[in-house]
Amino acid sequence: MYKLQCTSCHTKWYTANSMTDMICENCKGELIEVDENFPKIDPERFRRQQEMMMAQNKNTDSE
């Protein structure tokens, strides 16, 4: 069993038998595998990390 969480809406955990069921039922977003031993992704923190990564990518592209 895989534990999956949506990268867009972060609403709930999914359990799937295969990695092919990778679409969120709620918002059709992408699901990622998560480890239940780690805390659930905080949407705000995740969004900030994404923004930081995007900013870093923009910086490296311009050089």
PDB file of N, CA and C in Angstrom:
ATOM      1  N   MET A   1       0.836  -1.201   0.000  1.00  0.00           N
ATOM      2  CA  MET A   1       0.000   0.000   0.000  1.00  0.00           C
ATOM      3  C   MET A   1       0.873   1.254   0.000  1.00  0.00           C
ATOM      4  N   TYR A   2       0.475   2.210  -0.784  1.00  0.00           N
ATOM      5  CA  TYR A   2       1.157   3.505  -0.802  1.00  0.00           C
ATOM      6  C   TYR A   2       0.288   4.523  -0.084  1.00  0.00           C
ATOM      7  N   LYS A   3       0.942   5.413   0.682  1.00  0.00           N
ATOM      8  CA  LYS A   3       0.227   6.531   1.282  1.00  0.00           C
ATOM      9  C   LYS A   3       0.478   7.726   0.380  1.00  0.00           C
ATOM     10  N   LEU A   4      -0.597   8.324  -0.110  1.00  0.00           N
ATOM     11  CA  LEU A   4      -0.450   9.413  -1.062  1.00  0.00           C
ATOM     12  C   LEU A   4      -1.131  10.661  -0.530  1.00  0.00           C
ATOM     13  N   GLN A   5      -0.577  11.810  -0.885  1.00  0.00           N
ATOM     14  CA  GLN A   5      -1.174  13.075  -0.501  1.00  0.00           C
ATOM     15  C   GLN A   5      -1.136  14.010  -1.696  1.00  0.00           C
ATOM     16  N   CYS A   6      -2.185  14.825  -1.839  1.00  0.00           N
ATOM     17  CA  CYS A   6      -2.280  15.725  -2.982  1.00  0.00           C
ATOM     18  C   CYS A   6      -1.300  16.883  -2.820  1.00  0.00           C
ATOM     19  N   THR A   7      -0.590  17.223  -3.896  1.00  0.00           N
ATOM     20  CA  THR A   7       0.359  18.341  -3.836  1.00  0.00           C
ATOM     21  C   THR A   7      -0.348  19.678  -4.003  1.00  0.00           C
ATOM     22  N   SER A   8      -1.600  19.661  -4.460  1.00  0.00           N
ATOM     23  CA  SER A   8      -2.323  20.914  -4.684  1.00  0.00           C
ATOM     24  C   SER A   8      -3.193  21.310  -3.496  1.00  0.00           C
ATOM     25  N   CYS A   9      -4.109  20.433  -3.102  1.00  0.00           N
ATOM     26  CA  CYS A   9      -5.058  20.818  -2.050  1.00  0.00           C
ATOM     27  C   CYS A   9      -4.714  20.245  -0.683  1.00  0.00           C
ATOM     28  N   HIS A  10      -3.824  19.261  -0.625  1.00  0.00           N
ATOM     29  CA  HIS A  10      -3.359  18.681   0.650  1.00  0.00           C
ATOM     30  C   HIS A  10      -4.474  18.176   1.552  1.00  0.00           C
ATOM     31  N   THR A  11      -5.648  17.877   0.988  1.00  0.00           N
ATOM     32  CA  THR A  11      -6.776  17.613   1.865  1.00  0.00           C
ATOM     33  C   THR A  11      -6.670  16.322   2.643  1.00  0.00           C
ATOM     34  N   LYS A  12      -6.319  15.222   2.007  1.00  0.00           N
ATOM     35  CA  LYS A  12      -6.385  13.957   2.734  1.00  0.00           C
ATOM     36  C   LYS A  12      -5.327  12.974   2.266  1.00  0.00           C
ATOM     37  N   TRP A  13      -5.202  11.930   3.050  1.00  0.00           N
ATOM     38  CA  TRP A  13      -4.317  10.832   2.698  1.00  0.00           C
ATOM     39  C   TRP A  13      -5.087   9.868   1.825  1.00  0.00           C
ATOM     40  N   TYR A  14      -4.428   9.324   0.862  1.00  0.00           N
ATOM     41  CA  TYR A  14      -5.019   8.283   0.038  1.00  0.00           C
ATOM     42  C   TYR A  14      -4.192   7.039   0.241  1.00  0.00           C
ATOM     43  N   THR A  15      -4.824   5.902   0.102  1.00  0.00           N
ATOM     44  CA  THR A  15      -4.050   4.675   0.044  1.00  0.00           C
ATOM     45  C   THR A  15      -4.316   4.060  -1.310  1.00  0.00           C
ATOM     46  N   ALA A  16      -3.276   3.661  -1.960  1.00  0.00           N
ATOM     47  CA  ALA A  16      -3.405   3.083  -3.295  1.00  0.00           C
ATOM     48  C   ALA A  16      -2.571   1.828  -3.371  1.00  0.00           C
ATOM     49  N   ASN A  17      -3.004   0.903  -4.187  1.00  0.00           N
ATOM     50  CA  ASN A  17      -2.266  -0.340  -4.366  1.00  0.00           C
ATOM     51  C   ASN A  17      -1.148  -0.189  -5.381  1.00  0.00           C
ATOM     52  N   SER A  18      -1.257   0.824  -6.210  1.00  0.00           N
ATOM     53  CA  SER A  18      -0.221   1.036  -7.216  1.00  0.00           C
ATOM     54  C   SER A  18       0.035   2.525  -7.369  1.00  0.00           C
ATOM     55  N   MET A  19       1.165   2.845  -7.973  1.00  0.00           N
ATOM     56  CA  MET A  19       1.518   4.242  -8.165  1.00  0.00           C
ATOM     57  C   MET A  19       0.814   4.831  -9.387  1.00  0.00           C
ATOM     58  N   THR A  20      -0.084   4.060  -9.993  1.00  0.00           N
ATOM     59  CA  THR A  20      -0.782   4.576 -11.177  1.00  0.00           C
ATOM     60  C   THR A  20      -1.964   5.460 -10.789  1.00  0.00           C
ATOM     61  N   ASP A  21      -2.480   5.277  -9.576  1.00  0.00           N
ATOM     62  CA  ASP A  21      -3.627   6.092  -9.134  1.00  0.00           C
ATOM     63  C   ASP A  21      -3.103   7.403  -8.551  1.00  0.00           C
ATOM     64  N   MET A  22      -2.573   8.260  -9.405  1.00  0.00           N
ATOM     65  CA  MET A  22      -1.858   9.432  -8.896  1.00  0.00           C
ATOM     66  C   MET A  22      -2.613  10.730  -9.103  1.00  0.00           C
ATOM     67  N   ILE A  23      -3.959  10.674  -9.155  1.00  0.00           N
ATOM     68  CA  ILE A  23      -4.741  11.892  -9.339  1.00  0.00           C
ATOM     69  C   ILE A  23      -5.706  12.065  -8.170  1.00  0.00           C
ATOM     70  N   CYS A  24      -5.710  13.254  -7.618  1.00  0.00           N
ATOM     71  CA  CYS A  24      -6.555  13.581  -6.469  1.00  0.00           C
ATOM     72  C   CYS A  24      -8.024  13.566  -6.879  1.00  0.00           C
ATOM     73  N   GLU A  25      -8.862  12.924  -6.069  1.00  0.00           N
ATOM     74  CA  GLU A  25     -10.298  12.893  -6.357  1.00  0.00           C
ATOM     75  C   GLU A  25     -10.928  14.259  -6.133  1.00  0.00           C
ATOM     76  N   ASN A  26     -10.309  15.048  -5.266  1.00  0.00           N
ATOM     77  CA  ASN A  26     -10.880  16.340  -4.882  1.00  0.00           C
ATOM     78  C   ASN A  26     -10.640  17.413  -5.941  1.00  0.00           C
ATOM     79  N   CYS A  27      -9.374  17.612  -6.326  1.00  0.00           N
ATOM     80  CA  CYS A  27      -9.047  18.719  -7.230  1.00  0.00           C
ATOM     81  C   CYS A  27      -8.334  18.253  -8.494  1.00  0.00           C
ATOM     82  N   LYS A  28      -8.190  16.939  -8.668  1.00  0.00           N
ATOM     83  CA  LYS A  28      -7.489  16.355  -9.824  1.00  0.00           C
ATOM     84  C   LYS A  28      -6.000  16.714  -9.834  1.00  0.00           C
ATOM     85  N   GLY A  29      -5.480  17.114  -8.677  1.00  0.00           N
ATOM     86  CA  GLY A  29      -4.061  17.440  -8.566  1.00  0.00           C
ATOM     87  C   GLY A  29      -3.212  16.182  -8.519  1.00  0.00           C
ATOM     88  N   GLU A  30      -1.916  16.384  -8.543  1.00  0.00           N
ATOM     89  CA  GLU A  30      -0.973  15.266  -8.517  1.00  0.00           C
ATOM     90  C   GLU A  30      -0.809  14.769  -7.087  1.00  0.00           C
ATOM     91  N   LEU A  31      -0.724  13.457  -6.941  1.00  0.00           N
ATOM     92  CA  LEU A  31      -0.486  12.872  -5.629  1.00  0.00           C
ATOM     93  C   LEU A  31       0.975  12.462  -5.508  1.00  0.00           C
ATOM     94  N   ILE A  32       1.521  12.655  -4.312  1.00  0.00           N
ATOM     95  CA  ILE A  32       2.879  12.203  -4.042  1.00  0.00           C
ATOM     96  C   ILE A  32       2.825  11.196  -2.906  1.00  0.00           C
ATOM     97  N   GLU A  33       3.802  10.326  -2.879  1.00  0.00           N
ATOM     98  CA  GLU A  33       3.869   9.347  -1.802  1.00  0.00           C
ATOM     99  C   GLU A  33       4.390  10.046  -0.551  1.00  0.00           C
ATOM    100  N   VAL A  34       3.739   9.786   0.569  1.00  0.00           N
ATOM    101  CA  VAL A  34       4.173  10.362   1.832  1.00  0.00           C
ATOM    102  C   VAL A  34       4.433   9.248   2.826  1.00  0.00           C
ATOM    103  N   ASP A  35       5.261   9.552   3.799  1.00  0.00           N
ATOM    104  CA  ASP A  35       5.575   8.588   4.842  1.00  0.00           C
ATOM    105  C   ASP A  35       4.744   8.956   6.062  1.00  0.00           C
ATOM    106  N   GLU A  36       3.932   8.026   6.526  1.00  0.00           N
ATOM    107  CA  GLU A  36       3.051   8.320   7.658  1.00  0.00           C
ATOM    108  C   GLU A  36       3.819   8.604   8.947  1.00  0.00           C
ATOM    109  N   ASN A  37       5.112   8.295   8.984  1.00  0.00           N
ATOM    110  CA  ASN A  37       5.922   8.596  10.159  1.00  0.00           C
ATOM    111  C   ASN A  37       6.301  10.078  10.227  1.00  0.00           C
ATOM    112  N   PHE A  38       6.146  10.759   9.097  1.00  0.00           N
ATOM    113  CA  PHE A  38       6.440  12.187   9.069  1.00  0.00           C
ATOM    114  C   PHE A  38       5.129  12.955   9.157  1.00  0.00           C
ATOM    115  N   PRO A  39       5.163  14.163   9.705  1.00  0.00           N
ATOM    116  CA  PRO A  39       3.922  14.933   9.804  1.00  0.00           C
ATOM    117  C   PRO A  39       3.370  15.270   8.432  1.00  0.00           C
ATOM    118  N   LYS A  40       2.091  15.458   8.376  1.00  0.00           N
ATOM    119  CA  LYS A  40       1.427  15.807   7.129  1.00  0.00           C
ATOM    120  C   LYS A  40       2.000  17.130   6.626  1.00  0.00           C
ATOM    121  N   ILE A  41       2.120  17.257   5.323  1.00  0.00           N
ATOM    122  CA  ILE A  41       2.675  18.466   4.713  1.00  0.00           C
ATOM    123  C   ILE A  41       1.805  19.664   5.082  1.00  0.00           C
ATOM    124  N   ASP A  42       2.446  20.716   5.544  1.00  0.00           N
ATOM    125  CA  ASP A  42       1.749  21.962   5.835  1.00  0.00           C
ATOM    126  C   ASP A  42       1.623  22.731   4.522  1.00  0.00           C
ATOM    127  N   PRO A  43       0.402  22.979   4.055  1.00  0.00           N
ATOM    128  CA  PRO A  43       0.223  23.611   2.738  1.00  0.00           C
ATOM    129  C   PRO A  43       0.951  24.942   2.598  1.00  0.00           C
ATOM    130  N   GLU A  44       0.920  25.773   3.642  1.00  0.00           N
ATOM    131  CA  GLU A  44       1.594  27.075   3.577  1.00  0.00           C
ATOM    132  C   GLU A  44       3.096  26.901   3.409  1.00  0.00           C
ATOM    133  N   ARG A  45       3.674  26.016   4.199  1.00  0.00           N
ATOM    134  CA  ARG A  45       5.107  25.774   4.145  1.00  0.00           C
ATOM    135  C   ARG A  45       5.490  25.210   2.780  1.00  0.00           C
ATOM    136  N   PHE A  46       4.669  24.283   2.297  1.00  0.00           N
ATOM    137  CA  PHE A  46       4.920  23.667   1.001  1.00  0.00           C
ATOM    138  C   PHE A  46       4.896  24.731  -0.094  1.00  0.00           C
ATOM    139  N   ARG A  47       3.914  25.642  -0.025  1.00  0.00           N
ATOM    140  CA  ARG A  47       3.773  26.696  -1.033  1.00  0.00           C
ATOM    141  C   ARG A  47       4.994  27.613  -1.008  1.00  0.00           C
ATOM    142  N   ARG A  48       5.440  27.970   0.189  1.00  0.00           N
ATOM    143  CA  ARG A  48       6.623  28.834   0.311  1.00  0.00           C
ATOM    144  C   ARG A  48       7.867  28.135  -0.249  1.00  0.00           C
ATOM    145  N   GLN A  49       8.012  26.846   0.042  1.00  0.00           N
ATOM    146  CA  GLN A  49       9.150  26.085  -0.485  1.00  0.00           C
ATOM    147  C   GLN A  49       9.107  26.070  -2.008  1.00  0.00           C
ATOM    148  N   GLN A  50       7.905  25.873  -2.567  1.00  0.00           N
ATOM    149  CA  GLN A  50       7.761  25.860  -4.016  1.00  0.00           C
ATOM    150  C   GLN A  50       8.167  27.217  -4.592  1.00  0.00           C
ATOM    151  N   GLU A  51       7.711  28.301  -3.954  1.00  0.00           N
ATOM    152  CA  GLU A  51       8.035  29.646  -4.432  1.00  0.00           C
ATOM    153  C   GLU A  51       9.539  29.888  -4.374  1.00  0.00           C
ATOM    154  N   MET A  52      10.166  29.444  -3.283  1.00  0.00           N
ATOM    155  CA  MET A  52      11.616  29.619  -3.151  1.00  0.00           C
ATOM    156  C   MET A  52      12.345  28.852  -4.255  1.00  0.00           C
ATOM    157  N   MET A  53      11.901  27.633  -4.513  1.00  0.00           N
ATOM    158  CA  MET A  53      12.535  26.832  -5.555  1.00  0.00           C
ATOM    159  C   MET A  53      12.342  27.480  -6.922  1.00  0.00           C
ATOM    160  N   MET A  54      11.170  28.024  -7.165  1.00  0.00           N
ATOM    161  CA  MET A  54      10.902  28.694  -8.434  1.00  0.00           C
ATOM    162  C   MET A  54      11.814  29.913  -8.574  1.00  0.00           C
ATOM    163  N   ALA A  55      11.974  30.665  -7.498  1.00  0.00           N
ATOM    164  CA  ALA A  55      12.828  31.856  -7.518  1.00  0.00           C
ATOM    165  C   ALA A  55      14.279  31.458  -7.783  1.00  0.00           C
ATOM    166  N   GLN A  56      14.732  30.390  -7.134  1.00  0.00           N
ATOM    167  CA  GLN A  56      16.097  29.925  -7.346  1.00  0.00           C
ATOM    168  C   GLN A  56      16.297  29.484  -8.795  1.00  0.00           C
ATOM    169  N   ASN A  57      15.295  28.801  -9.340  1.00  0.00           N
ATOM    170  CA  ASN A  57      15.382  28.350 -10.732  1.00  0.00           C
ATOM    171  C   ASN A  57      15.456  29.534 -11.685  1.00  0.00           C
ATOM    172  N   LYS A  58      14.681  30.576 -11.403  1.00  0.00           N
ATOM    173  CA  LYS A  58      14.718  31.774 -12.247  1.00  0.00           C
ATOM    174  C   LYS A  58      16.106  32.404 -12.195  1.00  0.00           C
ATOM    175  N   ASN A  59      16.702  32.459 -11.010  1.00  0.00           N
ATOM    176  CA  ASN A  59      18.030  33.055 -10.852  1.00  0.00           C
ATOM    177  C   ASN A  59      19.075  32.295 -11.660  1.00  0.00           C
ATOM    178  N   THR A  60      19.010  30.987 -11.625  1.00  0.00           N
ATOM    179  CA  THR A  60      20.018  30.195 -12.339  1.00  0.00           C
ATOM    180  C   THR A  60      19.796  30.256 -13.846  1.00  0.00           C
ATOM    181  N   ASP A  61      18.543  30.403 -14.278  1.00  0.00           N
ATOM    182  CA  ASP A  61      18.255  30.457 -15.711  1.00  0.00           C
ATOM    183  C   ASP A  61      18.819  31.715 -16.361  1.00  0.00           C
ATOM    184  N   SER A  62      18.822  32.826 -15.620  1.00  0.00           N
ATOM    185  CA  SER A  62      19.205  34.106 -16.221  1.00  0.00           C
ATOM    186  C   SER A  62      20.711  34.248 -16.436  1.00  0.00           C
ATOM    187  N   GLU A  63      21.489  33.402 -15.778  1.00  0.00           N
ATOM    188  CA  GLU A  63      22.953  33.555 -15.901  1.00  0.00           C
ATOM    189  C   GLU A  63      23.488  32.959 -17.193  1.00  0.00           C
TER     190      GLU A  63
END
